[in-house]
Structures are given as C-alpha cells and as structure tokens.
Amino acid sequence: MSKQTAITSSEIGILWMTFKQKTMITRMIDYFIEQADDEEAKEIMTSLQGEIKPYIQRITDIFKDEGMAVPLGFTEADVNKEVPKLYDNGFDIMLVRLLKQISMGMHTLNITMAYREDIIKLFRELTVITQRYYEICTAYLLQRGLLTKSPSVPMPLKVDFVKDNSYLGGINPLANKRSLNTVEVAHMYHAIEANLFGMTLIKGFAQCAYEQEVKDYFTEGGKIAQGIVEDLSQLLAASDLKIPVPPGGNITKSTLAPFSDKLMMYCVSLFCSFSLGGNSLGTAFSLRNDIAGTLAGIMKDVFEYAHKGAKLMIKHSWMEEPPPTK
C-alpha cells in the first residue's frame, strides 16, 4: 500500500472531534442497551454500536500512524451501566435520533474539510451509517406514537412573488404581521422539537449529577430550553399552527448517575453547538424581522450558557484540549 500524504491541520481537528463524539455516543449507548426493555430498541442500539466502534479504531490507527497522541475521549469509567433507569418511554431511541441529527451535520461538514482519500472515505461511510440509523429511529418513534410531526398546512395552488417590504416586517407592534411561511415553520419546529428533548435530557442530568454546581448548571440549562420552547411556540400559535407536545421520554425518580459529570457536561456542550448551528440557519432563512430577532436572542443566551459550561469544565479538568498548531 502506498504511503498516505501528510495529514493536514483540518483533518487532525475533524478526526479529533469525531473521536470525542463517537466515544461519548458509545458510552451512552452502553447504558441504554443494558437498561432497554424493548427488544427492537435494544437491537437498533446494539447494531449501531457495532457499526460505530470500528471507526473509533480507524481514527485511533490514523493518529498512531501519524505519530500523534490518541485523545482520551470517554471510557468505561464514564458510564455506570448498573444504576436504575434514569429515563423511559422511548427516550433511548429519541436520544439516538438526535445524536444522529448532530452527526449528519458534522460528517457532511467534515467531508468539506478533508483532503486525504482515506479520511474522505471514512466520513462518507459515517454519513451513510448516520443517515440510515436516523431513518430507522424516526420510523421506530413514529410507529409507536412517540414523535409528533410538524403541522399540516393548505397546499399552495399558485406561485406568488412578494409584493412589498412589509413581508419583511414584524417588529412594529402596531402593524399586522403576516403568517409564517413553511420555511420559517420548518426551522422553528425543528428547534422546538430539539429543545423539548433537550429539556428532558438536561433535567435528568440535573437530578443525578454528582457536583452541586453541575446540578445547578443543568437546572439553568433546563430553564433556558423551556424559555426557547415557549418563545418559539408563541410564534407558531400566532399563525394558528399546532405546538409540538412531547409524547414520550419521561424522567424516572432515580437519582443515581449513569454517566460521569464530565460526560454529561460534554454532551450538553455538544447540544449547545448543535443549537447554535440550527438557530443560525433559522435566522438566515427567516424573512420576518421579529423571527430573526428572536432567534438571534436565543443564540446569545445559548452561547453565554455554553461559555459558562466551558469554564466549569476547565475548573474540574474535564475539557480535553484540542491538538494545538504549535
């Protein structure tokens, strides 16, 4: 086999991030497989686990071949599979589905930052796996009534063009606001759906975290997610559109942590990054000024919360430093 070309800084960075994400996912799935009482859910997670682990090893091999230190990521020390269920009613597959949403975006972006054939191939293969399991998880949740679809609207019967600048309005409280368009609904509904799940996830984390300041941080995050859901739901309701209701994924009464505080903090950090990316797209594609303003305010709150979390991770030596350039 011919020698590979030298690895670039971008490729080191995206492989490093992927290693961290995949080791987190495998540790979380370890716990949910152990606690699963639905055989189909257990089969989905076990199959996914089997497909992810070889890619962790492939990334490890690339780092070793390049003479680079292999990151620690997350290990068996970060999960306790023996504690009682922290969540039930389909939460495990809801989590996998959201993690696959995040992975789809990351893998697609990573391909655009890779140059070496073997690394491009790695991310292309991961993209295919991620898309397949996202579809499997979505079908599973829909079949069990655990996923609420976005609202239906009347079908457009003709093509229209925007008549005047009032289409962009929405800030003036005295002026009439046009109804939301379907592009705006798509991004807002997606944000509500993600934050409803995130609210459950982080409240469960707050219930079982070891450190009190970590518990407090998660509690604060739950309130932020709830505020986002309320703000965006008001915009949907103003256009007479239904608001999503979480049909599953409940928190139990268990206070025993299945994951280390380090892993839970990283998971929330990852979800904050996902939220910032999604809301930035929503802002870019929203043509009503008040919607863009609302989403910009949400991004500010999420960024400040994520920054606070980064300081907390640094304080406890939980933040693994990305590979430096010097």
Protein backbone atom coordinates (compact mmCIF):
# COMPACT_ATOMS: atom_id res chain seq x y z
CA MET A 1 0.00 0.00 0.00
CA SER A 2 1.42 3.40 -0.98
CA LYS A 3 2.20 5.85 1.79
CA GLN A 4 -0.58 8.33 2.53
CA THR A 5 0.00 12.03 2.02
CA ALA A 6 0.74 14.05 5.16
CA ILE A 7 -2.27 14.77 7.30
CA THR A 8 -3.41 18.40 7.46
CA SER A 9 -4.35 20.51 10.48
CA SER A 10 -8.01 20.48 9.41
CA GLU A 11 -8.03 16.71 9.17
CA ILE A 12 -6.46 16.36 12.62
CA GLY A 13 -9.14 18.66 14.03
CA ILE A 14 -12.15 16.92 12.48
CA LEU A 15 -10.87 13.45 13.37
CA TRP A 16 -10.23 14.58 16.93
CA MET A 17 -13.77 15.96 17.28
CA THR A 18 -15.25 12.82 15.75
CA PHE A 19 -13.28 10.60 18.14
CA LYS A 20 -14.64 12.56 21.12
CA GLN A 21 -18.21 12.41 19.83
CA LYS A 22 -18.14 8.71 18.94
CA THR A 23 -16.62 7.64 22.25
CA MET A 24 -19.32 9.65 24.07
CA ILE A 25 -22.07 8.04 21.99
CA THR A 26 -20.76 4.51 22.58
CA ARG A 27 -20.61 5.04 26.34
CA MET A 28 -24.16 6.39 26.44
CA ILE A 29 -25.47 3.56 24.26
CA ASP A 30 -23.70 1.04 26.55
CA TYR A 31 -26.00 2.17 29.35
CA PHE A 32 -29.19 2.34 27.31
CA ILE A 33 -28.62 -1.13 25.84
CA GLU A 34 -28.22 -2.51 29.36
CA GLN A 35 -31.44 -0.84 30.52
CA ALA A 36 -33.56 -1.45 27.39
CA ASP A 37 -36.82 -3.32 27.93
CA ASP A 38 -37.92 -3.08 24.28
CA GLU A 39 -36.21 -5.67 22.12
CA GLU A 40 -36.42 -3.65 18.90
CA ALA A 41 -34.86 -0.61 20.57
CA LYS A 42 -32.13 -2.81 22.01
CA GLU A 43 -31.47 -4.31 18.59
CA ILE A 44 -31.22 -0.86 16.95
CA MET A 45 -28.73 0.38 19.55
CA THR A 46 -26.67 -2.82 19.56
CA SER A 47 -26.42 -2.76 15.77
CA LEU A 48 -25.42 0.92 15.78
CA GLN A 49 -22.84 0.25 18.47
CA GLY A 50 -21.31 -2.48 16.34
CA GLU A 51 -21.00 -0.14 13.36
CA ILE A 52 -19.54 2.83 15.28
CA LYS A 53 -16.76 1.06 17.18
CA PRO A 54 -14.64 0.12 14.12
CA TYR A 55 -14.48 3.81 13.16
CA ILE A 56 -13.15 4.73 16.59
CA GLN A 57 -10.39 2.19 15.96
CA ARG A 58 -9.77 3.52 12.43
CA ILE A 59 -9.32 7.04 13.78
CA THR A 60 -7.04 5.68 16.51
CA ASP A 61 -4.93 3.92 13.86
CA ILE A 62 -4.62 7.11 11.79
CA PHE A 63 -3.41 9.05 14.83
CA LYS A 64 -0.88 6.34 15.70
CA ASP A 65 0.38 6.13 12.11
CA GLU A 66 0.94 9.89 12.17
CA GLY A 67 2.80 9.70 15.47
CA MET A 68 0.08 11.66 17.23
CA ALA A 69 -1.18 11.15 20.78
CA VAL A 70 -4.57 9.43 20.80
CA PRO A 71 -7.17 11.52 22.68
CA LEU A 72 -8.72 10.07 25.82
CA GLY A 73 -12.31 10.76 24.85
CA PHE A 74 -14.73 8.80 27.03
CA THR A 75 -14.06 5.39 28.54
CA GLU A 76 -15.85 2.75 30.59
CA ALA A 77 -15.02 4.88 33.65
CA ASP A 78 -17.56 7.44 32.39
CA VAL A 79 -20.56 5.08 32.48
CA ASN A 80 -22.27 3.02 35.18
CA LYS A 81 -24.50 0.50 33.43
CA GLU A 82 -25.81 -0.98 36.68
CA VAL A 83 -27.79 2.01 38.00
CA PRO A 84 -31.58 2.07 37.53
CA LYS A 85 -33.24 3.71 34.55
CA LEU A 86 -33.00 7.49 34.52
CA TYR A 87 -35.36 7.78 31.52
CA ASP A 88 -38.04 5.61 29.97
CA ASN A 89 -40.85 5.57 27.37
CA GLY A 90 -38.74 5.65 24.22
CA PHE A 91 -36.14 8.11 25.47
CA ASP A 92 -33.24 5.91 24.35
CA ILE A 93 -34.22 5.98 20.67
CA MET A 94 -35.12 9.68 20.92
CA LEU A 95 -31.57 10.29 22.12
CA VAL A 96 -30.02 8.20 19.34
CA ARG A 97 -32.15 10.05 16.77
CA LEU A 98 -30.99 13.47 17.99
CA LEU A 99 -27.37 12.32 18.13
CA LYS A 100 -27.72 11.14 14.53
CA GLN A 101 -29.06 14.58 13.57
CA ILE A 102 -25.93 16.14 15.03
CA SER A 103 -23.69 13.54 13.40
CA MET A 104 -25.25 14.08 9.94
CA GLY A 105 -24.38 17.76 10.06
CA MET A 106 -20.88 17.18 11.41
CA HIS A 107 -19.92 14.41 8.97
CA THR A 108 -21.14 16.37 5.95
CA LEU A 109 -19.20 19.44 7.06
CA ASN A 110 -16.13 17.35 7.86
CA ILE A 111 -16.00 15.94 4.32
CA THR A 112 -15.59 19.51 3.04
CA MET A 113 -12.57 19.98 5.34
CA ALA A 114 -10.79 16.74 4.40
CA TYR A 115 -8.33 16.24 1.53
CA ARG A 116 -6.87 12.78 2.01
CA GLU A 117 -8.70 9.97 0.27
CA ASP A 118 -8.87 7.63 3.27
CA ILE A 119 -10.26 10.37 5.53
CA ILE A 120 -12.84 11.49 2.97
CA LYS A 121 -13.89 7.85 2.62
CA LEU A 122 -14.18 7.49 6.41
CA PHE A 123 -16.57 10.44 6.70
CA ARG A 124 -18.53 9.37 3.61
CA GLU A 125 -19.12 5.97 5.18
CA LEU A 126 -20.06 7.52 8.52
CA THR A 127 -22.57 9.76 6.72
CA VAL A 128 -24.28 6.73 5.16
CA ILE A 129 -24.45 4.92 8.51
CA THR A 130 -25.77 8.02 10.27
CA GLN A 131 -28.50 8.66 7.72
CA ARG A 132 -29.62 5.03 7.86
CA TYR A 133 -29.95 4.97 11.64
CA TYR A 134 -31.65 8.36 11.70
CA GLU A 135 -34.32 6.92 9.38
CA ILE A 136 -34.61 3.75 11.48
CA CYS A 137 -35.04 5.74 14.70
CA THR A 138 -37.59 8.09 13.12
CA ALA A 139 -39.66 5.15 11.84
CA TYR A 140 -39.47 3.45 15.25
CA LEU A 141 -40.72 6.56 17.08
CA LEU A 142 -43.49 7.29 14.56
CA GLN A 143 -44.78 3.72 14.71
CA ARG A 144 -45.09 3.99 18.49
CA GLY A 145 -46.62 7.46 18.55
CA LEU A 146 -43.54 8.89 20.26
CA LEU A 147 -42.80 11.56 17.66
CA THR A 148 -45.06 14.47 16.73
CA LYS A 149 -44.87 15.61 13.11
CA SER A 150 -44.80 19.29 12.15
CA PRO A 151 -48.22 20.84 11.37
CA SER A 152 -50.00 20.36 8.05
CA VAL A 153 -50.93 23.44 6.01
CA PRO A 154 -53.10 24.06 2.91
CA MET A 155 -51.34 23.23 -0.36
CA PRO A 156 -50.30 26.31 -2.41
CA LEU A 157 -52.25 26.37 -5.68
CA LYS A 158 -50.20 29.03 -7.49
CA VAL A 159 -46.81 30.72 -7.49
CA ASP A 160 -46.68 34.13 -5.81
CA PHE A 161 -43.99 36.78 -5.51
CA VAL A 162 -43.50 39.11 -2.55
CA LYS A 163 -45.35 42.35 -3.26
CA ASP A 164 -43.66 44.84 -0.90
CA ASN A 165 -41.26 45.26 2.00
CA SER A 166 -43.96 44.67 4.60
CA TYR A 167 -43.26 40.96 4.04
CA LEU A 168 -40.01 41.52 5.94
CA GLY A 169 -41.70 43.35 8.82
CA GLY A 170 -42.81 42.05 12.19
CA ILE A 171 -41.03 44.28 14.67
CA ASN A 172 -43.63 47.09 14.76
CA PRO A 173 -46.26 46.02 17.36
CA LEU A 174 -48.88 48.25 15.71
CA ALA A 175 -48.54 46.68 12.27
CA ASN A 176 -50.15 43.43 11.18
CA LYS A 177 -47.74 40.52 10.90
CA ARG A 178 -48.01 38.12 8.02
CA SER A 179 -48.41 34.44 8.79
CA LEU A 180 -45.29 32.33 8.97
CA ASN A 181 -44.12 30.71 5.76
CA THR A 182 -43.29 27.00 5.65
CA VAL A 183 -39.53 27.59 5.56
CA GLU A 184 -39.76 29.54 8.82
CA VAL A 185 -42.03 26.90 10.35
CA ALA A 186 -39.57 24.14 9.44
CA HIS A 187 -36.69 25.76 11.33
CA MET A 188 -38.77 26.81 14.33
CA TYR A 189 -40.48 23.45 14.68
CA HIS A 190 -37.13 21.70 14.50
CA ALA A 191 -35.77 23.98 17.24
CA ILE A 192 -38.81 23.35 19.45
CA GLU A 193 -38.56 19.58 18.95
CA ALA A 194 -34.85 19.58 19.82
CA ASN A 195 -35.32 21.78 22.90
CA LEU A 196 -38.24 19.73 24.21
CA PHE A 197 -35.98 16.69 24.14
CA GLY A 198 -33.03 18.68 25.47
CA MET A 199 -35.14 19.92 28.37
CA THR A 200 -35.90 16.33 29.42
CA LEU A 201 -32.29 15.24 28.96
CA ILE A 202 -30.80 18.05 30.99
CA LYS A 203 -33.38 17.85 33.79
CA GLY A 204 -32.46 14.19 34.16
CA PHE A 205 -28.79 15.17 34.29
CA ALA A 206 -29.59 17.76 37.00
CA GLN A 207 -31.36 15.06 39.01
CA CYS A 208 -28.34 12.77 39.17
CA ALA A 209 -25.15 14.88 38.75
CA TYR A 210 -22.51 14.47 41.46
CA GLU A 211 -21.26 18.05 41.83
CA GLN A 212 -23.74 20.63 43.13
CA GLU A 213 -22.53 23.36 40.77
CA VAL A 214 -23.01 20.94 37.88
CA LYS A 215 -26.55 20.21 39.10
CA ASP A 216 -27.17 23.97 39.20
CA TYR A 217 -25.74 24.40 35.72
CA PHE A 218 -28.03 21.73 34.30
CA THR A 219 -31.03 23.23 36.10
CA GLU A 220 -30.23 26.58 34.49
CA GLY A 221 -29.99 24.87 31.09
CA GLY A 222 -33.43 23.33 31.56
CA LYS A 223 -34.90 26.78 32.16
CA ILE A 224 -33.20 28.16 29.04
CA ALA A 225 -34.56 25.29 26.92
CA GLN A 226 -38.05 25.83 28.36
CA GLY A 227 -37.84 29.55 27.52
CA ILE A 228 -36.83 28.76 23.94
CA VAL A 229 -39.78 26.38 23.56
CA GLU A 230 -42.19 28.97 24.95
CA ASP A 231 -40.89 31.83 22.74
CA LEU A 232 -41.00 29.81 19.52
CA SER A 233 -44.33 28.19 20.40
CA GLN A 234 -45.88 31.65 20.71
CA LEU A 235 -44.78 32.43 17.16
CA LEU A 236 -46.36 29.22 15.88
CA ALA A 237 -49.56 29.80 17.85
CA ALA A 238 -49.88 33.32 16.43
CA SER A 239 -50.15 31.72 12.97
CA ASP A 240 -52.71 29.18 14.25
CA LEU A 241 -50.24 26.32 13.98
CA LYS A 242 -50.14 23.43 16.43
CA ILE A 243 -47.38 23.32 19.02
CA PRO A 244 -45.46 20.05 19.46
CA VAL A 245 -46.10 18.13 22.65
CA PRO A 246 -43.53 15.60 23.88
CA PRO A 247 -45.39 12.27 23.68
CA GLY A 248 -42.68 10.19 25.35
CA GLY A 249 -39.30 10.16 27.02
CA ASN A 250 -40.02 10.55 30.74
CA ILE A 251 -37.62 11.09 33.62
CA THR A 252 -37.83 8.46 36.36
CA LYS A 253 -37.26 9.09 40.08
CA SER A 254 -33.74 7.67 40.04
CA THR A 255 -31.00 9.94 41.40
CA LEU A 256 -28.10 7.61 40.59
CA ALA A 257 -25.95 8.89 37.72
CA PRO A 258 -25.43 6.56 34.76
CA PHE A 259 -22.76 8.89 33.39
CA SER A 260 -19.88 10.91 34.79
CA ASP A 261 -20.32 14.64 35.23
CA LYS A 262 -17.55 15.02 32.64
CA LEU A 263 -19.54 13.09 30.02
CA MET A 264 -22.81 14.87 30.80
CA MET A 265 -21.14 18.28 30.56
CA TYR A 266 -19.62 17.38 27.19
CA CYS A 267 -22.98 16.09 25.95
CA VAL A 268 -24.66 19.39 26.87
CA SER A 269 -21.80 21.30 25.22
CA LEU A 270 -22.35 19.30 22.03
CA PHE A 271 -26.09 20.04 22.10
CA CYS A 272 -25.35 23.76 22.61
CA SER A 273 -23.18 23.73 19.47
CA PHE A 274 -26.00 21.96 17.60
CA SER A 275 -28.45 24.61 18.82
CA LEU A 276 -26.20 27.48 17.72
CA GLY A 277 -25.79 25.96 14.27
CA GLY A 278 -29.51 25.29 13.84
CA ASN A 279 -30.58 28.72 15.02
CA SER A 280 -28.05 30.44 12.77
CA LEU A 281 -29.60 28.66 9.78
CA GLY A 282 -33.06 29.57 11.04
CA THR A 283 -32.03 33.21 11.28
CA ALA A 284 -30.57 33.17 7.77
CA PHE A 285 -33.72 31.71 6.22
CA SER A 286 -36.32 33.69 8.19
CA LEU A 287 -37.61 36.72 6.31
CA ARG A 288 -39.73 38.22 9.08
CA ASN A 289 -37.59 40.58 11.15
CA ASP A 290 -39.09 39.66 14.51
CA ILE A 291 -38.30 35.97 13.96
CA ALA A 292 -34.68 36.73 13.13
CA GLY A 293 -34.52 38.90 16.26
CA THR A 294 -35.97 36.13 18.44
CA LEU A 295 -33.54 33.54 17.07
CA ALA A 296 -30.60 35.93 17.49
CA GLY A 297 -31.59 36.41 21.15
CA ILE A 298 -31.75 32.64 21.61
CA MET A 299 -28.27 32.24 20.11
CA LYS A 300 -26.92 34.85 22.54
CA ASP A 301 -28.40 33.01 25.53
CA VAL A 302 -27.13 29.61 24.33
CA PHE A 303 -23.65 30.97 23.61
CA GLU A 304 -23.37 32.53 27.06
CA TYR A 305 -24.61 29.31 28.66
CA ALA A 306 -22.12 27.21 26.67
CA HIS A 307 -19.29 29.59 27.64
CA LYS A 308 -20.24 29.22 31.30
CA GLY A 309 -20.15 25.44 30.86
CA ALA A 310 -16.70 25.61 29.30
CA LYS A 311 -15.39 27.45 32.35
CA LEU A 312 -16.93 24.81 34.60
CA MET A 313 -15.29 22.00 32.60
CA ILE A 314 -11.92 23.75 32.76
CA LYS A 315 -12.28 24.19 36.53
CA HIS A 316 -12.75 20.45 37.02
CA SER A 317 -10.13 19.42 34.41
CA TRP A 318 -12.81 17.83 32.21
CA MET A 319 -12.01 19.72 29.00
CA GLU A 320 -9.59 17.81 26.82
CA GLU A 321 -7.52 20.30 24.84
CA PRO A 322 -7.79 20.05 21.04
CA PRO A 323 -4.48 19.44 19.23
CA PRO A 324 -2.55 22.75 19.07
CA THR A 325 -0.88 24.18 15.96
CA LYS A 326 2.48 24.70 17.71
